[in-house]
N, C-alpha and C. Protein backbone atom coordinates (compact mmCIF):
# COMPACT_ATOMS: atom_id res chain seq x y z
N UNK A 1 69.00 76.40 12.91
CA UNK A 1 67.98 76.67 13.91
C UNK A 1 68.56 76.40 15.29
N UNK A 2 68.28 77.27 16.22
CA UNK A 2 68.79 77.09 17.58
C UNK A 2 67.96 76.05 18.32
N UNK A 3 68.56 75.50 19.36
CA UNK A 3 67.83 74.56 20.21
C UNK A 3 66.59 75.22 20.79
N UNK A 4 66.73 76.47 21.24
CA UNK A 4 65.59 77.17 21.84
C UNK A 4 64.46 77.35 20.85
N UNK A 5 64.78 77.67 19.60
CA UNK A 5 63.75 77.85 18.57
C UNK A 5 63.01 76.54 18.32
N UNK A 6 63.74 75.43 18.34
CA UNK A 6 63.12 74.12 18.13
C UNK A 6 62.21 73.77 19.31
N UNK A 7 62.66 74.05 20.52
CA UNK A 7 61.84 73.82 21.71
C UNK A 7 60.58 74.68 21.63
N UNK A 8 60.72 75.94 21.22
CA UNK A 8 59.56 76.83 21.09
C UNK A 8 58.55 76.28 20.08
N UNK A 9 59.03 75.71 18.98
CA UNK A 9 58.12 75.10 18.00
C UNK A 9 57.38 73.92 18.62
N UNK A 10 58.08 73.12 19.41
CA UNK A 10 57.43 71.99 20.08
C UNK A 10 56.33 72.49 21.01
N UNK A 11 56.62 73.54 21.77
CA UNK A 11 55.60 74.11 22.66
C UNK A 11 54.41 74.63 21.86
N UNK A 12 54.65 75.18 20.68
CA UNK A 12 53.55 75.73 19.88
C UNK A 12 52.58 74.65 19.43
N UNK A 13 52.99 73.41 19.44
CA UNK A 13 52.13 72.31 19.01
C UNK A 13 51.20 71.81 20.11
N UNK A 14 51.43 72.22 21.35
CA UNK A 14 50.59 71.75 22.46
C UNK A 14 49.12 72.05 22.21
N UNK A 15 48.83 73.22 21.66
CA UNK A 15 47.44 73.62 21.45
C UNK A 15 46.74 72.77 20.38
N UNK A 16 47.50 72.07 19.57
CA UNK A 16 46.90 71.23 18.53
C UNK A 16 46.68 69.79 18.98
N UNK A 17 47.20 69.43 20.14
CA UNK A 17 47.05 68.07 20.65
C UNK A 17 45.58 67.72 20.82
N UNK A 18 45.26 66.46 20.56
CA UNK A 18 43.91 65.94 20.79
C UNK A 18 44.03 64.99 21.97
N UNK A 19 43.69 65.50 23.17
CA UNK A 19 43.94 64.74 24.40
C UNK A 19 42.72 64.74 25.34
N UNK A 20 41.56 64.27 24.85
CA UNK A 20 40.37 64.30 25.70
C UNK A 20 40.42 63.31 26.87
N UNK A 21 41.30 62.34 26.83
CA UNK A 21 41.34 61.30 27.86
C UNK A 21 42.42 61.58 28.90
N UNK A 22 43.63 61.79 28.48
CA UNK A 22 44.71 62.03 29.44
C UNK A 22 44.84 63.50 29.83
N UNK A 23 44.37 64.37 28.95
CA UNK A 23 44.55 65.82 29.14
C UNK A 23 46.03 66.16 29.34
N UNK A 24 46.88 65.43 28.63
CA UNK A 24 48.34 65.61 28.72
C UNK A 24 48.87 65.93 27.32
N UNK A 25 48.79 67.19 26.90
CA UNK A 25 49.26 67.54 25.55
C UNK A 25 50.77 67.46 25.43
N UNK A 26 51.23 66.99 24.29
CA UNK A 26 52.67 66.92 24.00
C UNK A 26 52.87 67.45 22.59
N UNK A 27 53.92 68.22 22.41
CA UNK A 27 54.30 68.73 21.11
C UNK A 27 55.71 68.31 20.77
N UNK A 28 56.01 68.19 19.50
CA UNK A 28 57.35 67.81 19.06
C UNK A 28 57.72 68.61 17.81
N UNK A 29 59.02 68.84 17.66
CA UNK A 29 59.55 69.47 16.45
C UNK A 29 60.82 68.71 16.08
N UNK A 30 60.84 68.17 14.87
CA UNK A 30 61.92 67.31 14.39
C UNK A 30 62.70 68.03 13.31
N UNK A 31 63.99 68.19 13.52
CA UNK A 31 64.86 68.93 12.61
C UNK A 31 65.64 67.97 11.72
N UNK A 32 65.61 68.23 10.42
CA UNK A 32 66.38 67.48 9.44
C UNK A 32 67.71 68.21 9.20
N UNK A 33 68.74 67.49 8.76
CA UNK A 33 70.03 68.14 8.50
C UNK A 33 69.96 69.29 7.50
N UNK A 34 68.98 69.25 6.58
CA UNK A 34 68.86 70.33 5.58
C UNK A 34 68.11 71.55 6.12
N UNK A 35 67.72 71.51 7.40
CA UNK A 35 67.03 72.64 8.02
C UNK A 35 65.51 72.53 8.02
N UNK A 36 64.96 71.55 7.32
CA UNK A 36 63.52 71.34 7.32
C UNK A 36 63.08 70.88 8.70
N UNK A 37 61.94 71.39 9.16
CA UNK A 37 61.40 71.00 10.45
C UNK A 37 60.00 70.45 10.26
N UNK A 38 59.73 69.33 10.93
CA UNK A 38 58.40 68.73 10.94
C UNK A 38 57.90 68.75 12.38
N UNK A 39 56.67 69.21 12.56
CA UNK A 39 56.10 69.28 13.89
C UNK A 39 55.05 68.20 14.07
N UNK A 40 54.74 67.92 15.33
CA UNK A 40 53.71 66.94 15.62
C UNK A 40 53.12 67.17 16.99
N UNK A 41 51.95 66.59 17.20
CA UNK A 41 51.29 66.62 18.50
C UNK A 41 50.73 65.23 18.77
N UNK A 42 50.43 64.95 20.02
CA UNK A 42 49.84 63.65 20.31
C UNK A 42 48.35 63.66 19.94
N UNK A 43 47.90 62.49 19.51
CA UNK A 43 46.52 62.33 19.05
C UNK A 43 45.97 61.07 19.73
N UNK A 44 45.12 61.27 20.72
CA UNK A 44 44.58 60.13 21.47
C UNK A 44 43.40 59.50 20.76
N UNK A 45 43.07 58.30 21.22
CA UNK A 45 41.95 57.54 20.67
C UNK A 45 41.25 56.85 21.83
N UNK A 46 39.94 56.75 21.77
CA UNK A 46 39.18 56.12 22.84
C UNK A 46 39.59 54.68 23.08
N UNK A 47 40.14 54.02 22.07
CA UNK A 47 40.60 52.64 22.22
C UNK A 47 42.02 52.56 22.79
N UNK A 48 42.63 53.69 23.07
CA UNK A 48 43.97 53.85 23.64
C UNK A 48 45.09 53.31 22.76
N UNK A 49 45.05 52.09 22.33
CA UNK A 49 46.12 51.50 21.52
C UNK A 49 46.47 52.30 20.26
N UNK A 50 45.48 52.82 19.55
CA UNK A 50 45.78 53.58 18.33
C UNK A 50 46.32 55.00 18.58
N UNK A 51 46.43 55.39 19.83
CA UNK A 51 46.97 56.72 20.14
C UNK A 51 48.36 56.85 19.55
N UNK A 52 48.68 58.04 19.01
CA UNK A 52 50.01 58.28 18.45
C UNK A 52 50.63 59.46 19.17
N UNK A 53 51.87 59.29 19.57
CA UNK A 53 52.60 60.33 20.29
C UNK A 53 53.06 61.43 19.33
N UNK A 54 53.36 62.58 19.90
CA UNK A 54 53.80 63.73 19.11
C UNK A 54 55.06 63.43 18.32
N UNK A 55 55.99 62.72 18.93
CA UNK A 55 57.25 62.41 18.27
C UNK A 55 57.02 61.57 17.01
N UNK A 56 56.15 60.58 17.13
CA UNK A 56 55.89 59.71 15.99
C UNK A 56 55.05 60.43 14.93
N UNK A 57 54.20 61.37 15.35
CA UNK A 57 53.46 62.17 14.39
C UNK A 57 54.43 62.97 13.53
N UNK A 58 55.38 63.65 14.17
CA UNK A 58 56.38 64.43 13.44
C UNK A 58 57.21 63.54 12.52
N UNK A 59 57.63 62.39 13.03
CA UNK A 59 58.44 61.48 12.23
C UNK A 59 57.66 60.94 11.03
N UNK A 60 56.40 60.58 11.23
CA UNK A 60 55.59 60.07 10.13
C UNK A 60 55.39 61.13 9.06
N UNK A 61 55.16 62.37 9.48
CA UNK A 61 55.03 63.46 8.51
C UNK A 61 56.32 63.61 7.71
N UNK A 62 57.46 63.55 8.38
CA UNK A 62 58.75 63.71 7.70
C UNK A 62 59.01 62.58 6.72
N UNK A 63 58.82 61.35 7.17
CA UNK A 63 59.08 60.20 6.30
C UNK A 63 58.12 60.20 5.11
N UNK A 64 56.87 60.57 5.34
CA UNK A 64 55.90 60.59 4.24
C UNK A 64 56.22 61.68 3.21
N UNK A 65 57.04 62.64 3.60
CA UNK A 65 57.47 63.70 2.68
C UNK A 65 58.86 63.42 2.10
N UNK A 66 59.39 62.21 2.35
CA UNK A 66 60.64 61.80 1.74
C UNK A 66 61.89 62.04 2.56
N UNK A 67 61.76 62.49 3.79
CA UNK A 67 62.93 62.72 4.64
C UNK A 67 63.25 61.47 5.45
N UNK A 68 64.53 61.15 5.52
CA UNK A 68 64.97 59.95 6.24
C UNK A 68 66.11 60.24 7.21
N UNK A 69 66.62 61.45 7.22
CA UNK A 69 67.74 61.82 8.10
C UNK A 69 67.27 62.91 9.06
N UNK A 70 67.65 62.77 10.33
CA UNK A 70 67.21 63.71 11.35
C UNK A 70 68.36 64.00 12.30
N UNK A 71 68.44 65.23 12.76
CA UNK A 71 69.53 65.62 13.65
C UNK A 71 69.09 65.89 15.08
N UNK A 72 67.94 66.53 15.26
CA UNK A 72 67.49 66.92 16.60
C UNK A 72 65.98 66.85 16.67
N UNK A 73 65.48 66.46 17.83
CA UNK A 73 64.04 66.54 18.09
C UNK A 73 63.85 67.24 19.43
N UNK A 74 62.85 68.10 19.48
CA UNK A 74 62.44 68.74 20.73
C UNK A 74 61.07 68.20 21.12
N UNK A 75 60.92 67.89 22.40
CA UNK A 75 59.66 67.35 22.92
C UNK A 75 59.25 68.21 24.11
N UNK A 76 58.02 68.69 24.10
CA UNK A 76 57.56 69.59 25.16
C UNK A 76 56.21 69.18 25.70
N UNK A 77 56.03 69.38 26.98
CA UNK A 77 54.75 69.15 27.64
C UNK A 77 54.50 70.23 28.66
N UNK A 78 53.37 70.15 29.33
CA UNK A 78 53.00 71.16 30.32
C UNK A 78 53.34 70.73 31.74
N UNK A 79 53.90 69.57 31.91
CA UNK A 79 54.12 69.01 33.25
C UNK A 79 55.28 69.67 33.98
N UNK A 80 55.37 69.41 35.28
CA UNK A 80 56.47 69.93 36.07
C UNK A 80 57.74 69.12 35.85
N UNK A 81 57.61 67.89 35.38
CA UNK A 81 58.76 67.06 35.04
C UNK A 81 59.03 67.21 33.54
N UNK A 82 60.20 66.82 33.11
CA UNK A 82 60.53 66.84 31.69
C UNK A 82 59.64 65.84 30.96
N UNK A 83 59.29 66.15 29.74
CA UNK A 83 58.37 65.33 28.95
C UNK A 83 59.18 64.29 28.16
N UNK A 84 59.57 63.24 28.86
CA UNK A 84 60.42 62.20 28.26
C UNK A 84 59.67 61.41 27.21
N UNK A 85 60.33 61.04 26.11
CA UNK A 85 59.66 60.21 25.10
C UNK A 85 59.44 58.80 25.64
N UNK A 86 58.32 58.21 25.25
CA UNK A 86 58.01 56.84 25.68
C UNK A 86 58.96 55.86 24.98
N UNK A 87 58.93 54.63 25.41
CA UNK A 87 59.80 53.61 24.84
C UNK A 87 59.55 53.36 23.37
N UNK A 88 58.28 53.37 22.96
CA UNK A 88 57.95 53.15 21.55
C UNK A 88 58.55 54.27 20.70
N UNK A 89 58.41 55.51 21.15
CA UNK A 89 58.97 56.63 20.39
C UNK A 89 60.49 56.55 20.32
N UNK A 90 61.11 56.17 21.41
CA UNK A 90 62.58 56.01 21.40
C UNK A 90 62.99 55.00 20.34
N UNK A 91 62.27 53.88 20.29
CA UNK A 91 62.59 52.83 19.32
C UNK A 91 62.35 53.30 17.88
N UNK A 92 61.25 53.97 17.63
CA UNK A 92 60.93 54.43 16.27
C UNK A 92 61.95 55.48 15.83
N UNK A 93 62.32 56.39 16.70
CA UNK A 93 63.34 57.39 16.36
C UNK A 93 64.68 56.73 16.08
N UNK A 94 65.03 55.71 16.85
CA UNK A 94 66.29 54.99 16.69
C UNK A 94 66.40 54.34 15.30
N UNK A 95 65.29 53.91 14.76
CA UNK A 95 65.26 53.30 13.43
C UNK A 95 65.90 54.22 12.39
N UNK A 96 65.63 55.51 12.50
CA UNK A 96 66.10 56.47 11.51
C UNK A 96 67.31 57.27 11.95
N UNK A 97 67.47 57.48 13.26
CA UNK A 97 68.51 58.42 13.70
C UNK A 97 69.10 58.03 15.06
N UNK A 98 69.89 56.96 15.11
CA UNK A 98 70.46 56.56 16.40
C UNK A 98 71.35 57.65 17.02
N UNK A 99 71.86 58.56 16.22
CA UNK A 99 72.72 59.64 16.72
C UNK A 99 71.92 60.91 17.03
N UNK A 100 70.62 60.82 17.07
CA UNK A 100 69.74 61.97 17.27
C UNK A 100 70.01 62.70 18.59
N UNK A 101 69.98 64.02 18.54
CA UNK A 101 70.01 64.84 19.74
C UNK A 101 68.57 65.06 20.18
N UNK A 102 68.31 64.92 21.47
CA UNK A 102 66.96 65.03 22.00
C UNK A 102 66.90 66.17 23.02
N UNK A 103 65.99 67.11 22.78
CA UNK A 103 65.75 68.21 23.69
C UNK A 103 64.43 67.93 24.39
N UNK A 104 64.45 67.79 25.70
CA UNK A 104 63.26 67.40 26.45
C UNK A 104 62.90 68.55 27.39
N UNK A 105 61.70 69.12 27.17
CA UNK A 105 61.28 70.30 27.95
C UNK A 105 60.18 69.97 28.94
N UNK A 106 60.11 70.80 29.96
CA UNK A 106 59.01 70.72 30.92
C UNK A 106 58.17 71.99 30.78
N UNK A 107 57.05 72.05 31.46
CA UNK A 107 56.09 73.11 31.29
C UNK A 107 56.59 74.53 31.51
N UNK A 108 57.61 74.70 32.35
CA UNK A 108 58.12 76.04 32.61
C UNK A 108 59.10 76.52 31.54
N UNK A 109 59.33 75.68 30.52
CA UNK A 109 60.21 76.07 29.42
C UNK A 109 61.63 75.57 29.55
N UNK A 110 62.03 75.13 30.72
CA UNK A 110 63.37 74.59 30.90
C UNK A 110 63.48 73.28 30.12
N UNK A 111 64.67 73.02 29.57
CA UNK A 111 64.86 71.77 28.83
C UNK A 111 66.26 71.22 29.06
N UNK A 112 66.39 69.93 28.83
CA UNK A 112 67.68 69.25 28.89
C UNK A 112 68.00 68.70 27.51
N UNK A 113 69.29 68.55 27.25
CA UNK A 113 69.77 68.07 25.96
C UNK A 113 70.58 66.80 26.18
N UNK A 114 70.21 65.74 25.47
CA UNK A 114 70.94 64.50 25.57
C UNK A 114 70.82 63.74 24.26
N UNK A 115 71.52 62.65 24.17
CA UNK A 115 71.48 61.86 22.94
C UNK A 115 70.42 60.77 23.05
N UNK A 116 69.93 60.34 21.89
CA UNK A 116 68.98 59.23 21.88
C UNK A 116 69.62 57.98 22.46
N UNK A 117 70.92 57.79 22.22
CA UNK A 117 71.60 56.62 22.76
C UNK A 117 71.65 56.63 24.28
N UNK A 118 71.60 57.82 24.89
CA UNK A 118 71.51 57.89 26.35
C UNK A 118 70.11 57.44 26.80
N UNK A 119 69.10 57.76 26.01
CA UNK A 119 67.73 57.39 26.33
C UNK A 119 67.41 55.94 25.98
N UNK A 120 68.13 55.40 25.00
CA UNK A 120 67.89 54.03 24.55
C UNK A 120 69.23 53.33 24.34
N UNK A 121 69.92 53.00 25.43
CA UNK A 121 71.20 52.31 25.26
C UNK A 121 70.98 50.93 24.65
N UNK A 122 71.89 50.53 23.82
CA UNK A 122 71.82 49.22 23.16
C UNK A 122 70.54 49.08 22.34
N UNK A 123 70.17 50.13 21.64
CA UNK A 123 68.96 50.12 20.82
C UNK A 123 69.01 49.08 19.71
N UNK A 124 67.85 48.67 19.28
CA UNK A 124 67.70 47.70 18.20
C UNK A 124 67.38 48.46 16.93
N UNK A 125 68.27 48.40 15.96
CA UNK A 125 68.08 49.12 14.70
C UNK A 125 68.31 48.22 13.51
N UNK A 126 68.31 48.81 12.31
CA UNK A 126 68.50 48.03 11.09
C UNK A 126 69.75 47.14 11.10
N UNK A 127 70.85 47.65 11.67
CA UNK A 127 72.07 46.85 11.70
C UNK A 127 71.93 45.64 12.62
N UNK A 128 70.99 45.68 13.53
CA UNK A 128 70.75 44.55 14.44
C UNK A 128 70.23 43.33 13.69
N UNK A 129 69.68 43.54 12.51
CA UNK A 129 69.13 42.44 11.71
C UNK A 129 70.19 41.73 10.87
N UNK A 130 71.44 42.23 10.88
CA UNK A 130 72.51 41.63 10.10
C UNK A 130 72.96 40.35 10.79
N UNK A 131 72.68 39.23 10.15
CA UNK A 131 73.06 37.93 10.72
C UNK A 131 74.42 37.46 10.25
N UNK A 132 75.00 38.19 9.29
CA UNK A 132 76.29 37.79 8.77
C UNK A 132 76.17 36.77 7.65
N UNK A 133 74.98 36.25 7.42
CA UNK A 133 74.77 35.27 6.36
C UNK A 133 74.73 35.98 5.01
N UNK A 134 75.19 35.31 3.99
CA UNK A 134 75.14 35.86 2.64
C UNK A 134 73.69 35.87 2.13
N UNK A 135 73.37 36.91 1.42
CA UNK A 135 71.99 37.02 0.89
C UNK A 135 71.86 36.20 -0.36
């Protein structure tokens, strides 16, 4: 799948977003190494805390279907700036794919490509829990 096709899938999810409070729809498309793609949209909640971002929606769908490896994610919004993933999403993505490629789009369709490690330098992942002690 091309980067552009993945970005287009992320944009297609904007219409499914549930955003009555922020009115800031976000779509995501997460690509697995085997070519499977999982999409997601943000889902807000009146209590704010339970709100889930598009990236985590896509990741939760993928993990619940047995996928644990990911190569690229596209994130799209309608704003004039690029739709950068929040810190929580960066951390959750890092758990599964520290080498992930991230495509971040803005409303006019333009996007940038960078690595998750550029977005989350010195991320905390499973290997961070290794204390060196014998189990």
